[in-house]
Amino acid sequence: MPNKEPVKIDSNINSLGINFKDSKKVENYLIKAHYRWLEDAVTGPVLGETLVLYVENSRVKKIVELDEQNLIINIEKNTKIKLKNIDVQISNIKQ
């Protein structure tokens, strides 16, 4: 007889590799950290060990890319999430 108990779905286990829990932790940290460029950026998902950031223009993209290592270190210190890199993309609306 089949088991009729519902199976809890873990949203962090998916074929895309998106970790929703880590994505939310990073987003909350960035909001609390008050980075000046965050007004022109939107946090995306954490894909494996890569954070995706969507920015509005190339100026902000360059600022984030220059500060990438410092940002990764601060995220790791404050959220205990280990990232290898940050993928900064210009949002589709602005392309």
C-alpha atoms as a PDB file:
ATOM      1  CA  MET A   1       0.000   0.000   0.000  1.00  0.00           C
ATOM      2  CA  PRO A   2       1.513   3.389  -0.973  1.00  0.00           C
ATOM      3  CA  ASN A   3       2.478   5.867   1.707  1.00  0.00           C
ATOM      4  CA  LYS A   4      -0.180   8.593   1.854  1.00  0.00           C
ATOM      5  CA  GLU A   5       1.859  10.943   4.004  1.00  0.00           C
ATOM      6  CA  PRO A   6       2.708  14.201   2.242  1.00  0.00           C
ATOM      7  CA  VAL A   7       6.352  14.719   1.419  1.00  0.00           C
ATOM      8  CA  LYS A   8       7.859  18.043   2.404  1.00  0.00           C
ATOM      9  CA  ILE A   9       9.552  19.725  -0.544  1.00  0.00           C
ATOM     10  CA  ASP A  10      12.926  21.318   0.157  1.00  0.00           C
ATOM     11  CA  SER A  11      13.098  24.450  -1.983  1.00  0.00           C
ATOM     12  CA  ASN A  12      16.891  24.500  -1.668  1.00  0.00           C
ATOM     13  CA  ILE A  13      17.203  21.231  -3.580  1.00  0.00           C
ATOM     14  CA  ASN A  14      16.417  22.030  -7.198  1.00  0.00           C
ATOM     15  CA  SER A  15      17.830  21.347 -10.627  1.00  0.00           C
ATOM     16  CA  LEU A  16      18.895  24.983 -11.121  1.00  0.00           C
ATOM     17  CA  GLY A  17      21.204  25.040  -8.105  1.00  0.00           C
ATOM     18  CA  ILE A  18      19.463  28.054  -6.557  1.00  0.00           C
ATOM     19  CA  ASN A  19      19.731  28.256  -2.783  1.00  0.00           C
ATOM     20  CA  PHE A  20      16.747  30.354  -1.723  1.00  0.00           C
ATOM     21  CA  LYS A  21      17.682  30.414   1.964  1.00  0.00           C
ATOM     22  CA  ASP A  22      21.181  31.748   1.239  1.00  0.00           C
ATOM     23  CA  SER A  23      19.768  34.214  -1.296  1.00  0.00           C
ATOM     24  CA  LYS A  24      17.470  35.674   1.361  1.00  0.00           C
ATOM     25  CA  LYS A  25      20.297  35.860   3.934  1.00  0.00           C
ATOM     26  CA  VAL A  26      22.532  37.741   1.493  1.00  0.00           C
ATOM     27  CA  GLU A  27      19.705  40.088   0.508  1.00  0.00           C
ATOM     28  CA  ASN A  28      18.972  40.887   4.163  1.00  0.00           C
ATOM     29  CA  TYR A  29      22.663  41.499   4.870  1.00  0.00           C
ATOM     30  CA  LEU A  30      23.075  43.852   1.907  1.00  0.00           C
ATOM     31  CA  ILE A  31      20.015  45.864   2.944  1.00  0.00           C
ATOM     32  CA  LYS A  32      21.313  46.222   6.514  1.00  0.00           C
ATOM     33  CA  ALA A  33      24.862  47.043   5.343  1.00  0.00           C
ATOM     34  CA  HIS A  34      23.722  50.245   3.589  1.00  0.00           C
ATOM     35  CA  TYR A  35      25.933  50.015   0.511  1.00  0.00           C
ATOM     36  CA  ARG A  36      25.488  53.213  -1.512  1.00  0.00           C
ATOM     37  CA  TRP A  37      25.266  51.381  -4.825  1.00  0.00           C
ATOM     38  CA  LEU A  38      22.434  49.134  -3.594  1.00  0.00           C
ATOM     39  CA  GLU A  39      19.885  51.790  -4.623  1.00  0.00           C
ATOM     40  CA  ASP A  40      20.799  50.962  -8.228  1.00  0.00           C
ATOM     41  CA  ALA A  41      20.994  47.184  -7.768  1.00  0.00           C
ATOM     42  CA  VAL A  42      18.762  44.215  -7.049  1.00  0.00           C
ATOM     43  CA  THR A  43      20.034  41.040  -5.447  1.00  0.00           C
ATOM     44  CA  GLY A  44      19.506  37.906  -7.445  1.00  0.00           C
ATOM     45  CA  PRO A  45      19.827  34.267  -6.452  1.00  0.00           C
ATOM     46  CA  VAL A  46      22.796  32.433  -5.005  1.00  0.00           C
ATOM     47  CA  LEU A  47      23.695  29.843  -7.654  1.00  0.00           C
ATOM     48  CA  GLY A  48      26.059  27.362  -6.052  1.00  0.00           C
ATOM     49  CA  GLU A  49      28.876  29.602  -4.811  1.00  0.00           C
ATOM     50  CA  THR A  50      28.031  32.584  -7.027  1.00  0.00           C
ATOM     51  CA  LEU A  51      25.870  35.549  -6.068  1.00  0.00           C
ATOM     52  CA  VAL A  52      24.009  37.201  -8.933  1.00  0.00           C
ATOM     53  CA  LEU A  53      23.480  40.969  -8.721  1.00  0.00           C
ATOM     54  CA  TYR A  54      21.406  42.913 -11.225  1.00  0.00           C
ATOM     55  CA  VAL A  55      22.440  46.552 -11.624  1.00  0.00           C
ATOM     56  CA  GLU A  56      20.878  49.431 -13.525  1.00  0.00           C
ATOM     57  CA  ASN A  57      23.935  50.803 -15.322  1.00  0.00           C
ATOM     58  CA  SER A  58      27.550  50.102 -16.197  1.00  0.00           C
ATOM     59  CA  ARG A  59      28.877  52.603 -13.628  1.00  0.00           C
ATOM     60  CA  VAL A  60      27.381  50.601 -10.757  1.00  0.00           C
ATOM     61  CA  LYS A  61      28.562  47.361 -12.378  1.00  0.00           C
ATOM     62  CA  LYS A  62      32.156  48.628 -12.360  1.00  0.00           C
ATOM     63  CA  ILE A  63      31.879  49.797  -8.732  1.00  0.00           C
ATOM     64  CA  VAL A  64      30.620  46.391  -7.581  1.00  0.00           C
ATOM     65  CA  GLU A  65      33.225  44.516  -9.634  1.00  0.00           C
ATOM     66  CA  LEU A  66      36.027  46.628  -8.141  1.00  0.00           C
ATOM     67  CA  ASP A  67      34.773  45.941  -4.614  1.00  0.00           C
ATOM     68  CA  GLU A  68      33.942  42.265  -5.262  1.00  0.00           C
ATOM     69  CA  GLN A  69      36.527  40.626  -2.973  1.00  0.00           C
ATOM     70  CA  ASN A  70      35.750  42.961  -0.079  1.00  0.00           C
ATOM     71  CA  LEU A  71      32.036  42.325  -0.556  1.00  0.00           C
ATOM     72  CA  ILE A  72      32.538  38.531  -0.602  1.00  0.00           C
ATOM     73  CA  ILE A  73      34.566  38.726   2.628  1.00  0.00           C
ATOM     74  CA  ASN A  74      31.915  40.868   4.346  1.00  0.00           C
ATOM     75  CA  ILE A  75      29.099  38.564   3.239  1.00  0.00           C
ATOM     76  CA  GLU A  76      30.992  35.532   4.554  1.00  0.00           C
ATOM     77  CA  LYS A  77      31.731  37.241   7.889  1.00  0.00           C
ATOM     78  CA  ASN A  78      28.150  38.322   8.460  1.00  0.00           C
ATOM     79  CA  THR A  79      26.127  35.462   6.977  1.00  0.00           C
ATOM     80  CA  LYS A  80      28.533  32.464   7.134  1.00  0.00           C
ATOM     81  CA  ILE A  81      27.857  31.888   3.414  1.00  0.00           C
ATOM     82  CA  LYS A  82      30.955  31.102   1.351  1.00  0.00           C
ATOM     83  CA  LEU A  83      30.905  32.652  -2.102  1.00  0.00           C
ATOM     84  CA  LYS A  84      33.568  32.321  -4.772  1.00  0.00           C
ATOM     85  CA  ASN A  85      32.442  35.186  -6.966  1.00  0.00           C
ATOM     86  CA  ILE A  86      29.740  37.701  -7.782  1.00  0.00           C
ATOM     87  CA  ASP A  87      28.124  37.748 -11.208  1.00  0.00           C
ATOM     88  CA  VAL A  88      27.154  41.373 -11.855  1.00  0.00           C
ATOM     89  CA  GLN A  89      24.676  41.776 -14.700  1.00  0.00           C
ATOM     90  CA  ILE A  90      22.953  44.822 -16.137  1.00  0.00           C
ATOM     91  CA  SER A  91      19.204  44.299 -15.733  1.00  0.00           C
ATOM     92  CA  ASN A  92      17.216  43.544 -18.897  1.00  0.00           C
ATOM     93  CA  ILE A  93      15.182  46.724 -18.600  1.00  0.00           C
ATOM     94  CA  LYS A  94      18.300  48.868 -19.017  1.00  0.00           C
ATOM     95  CA  GLN A  95      20.076  46.870 -21.743  1.00  0.00           C
END
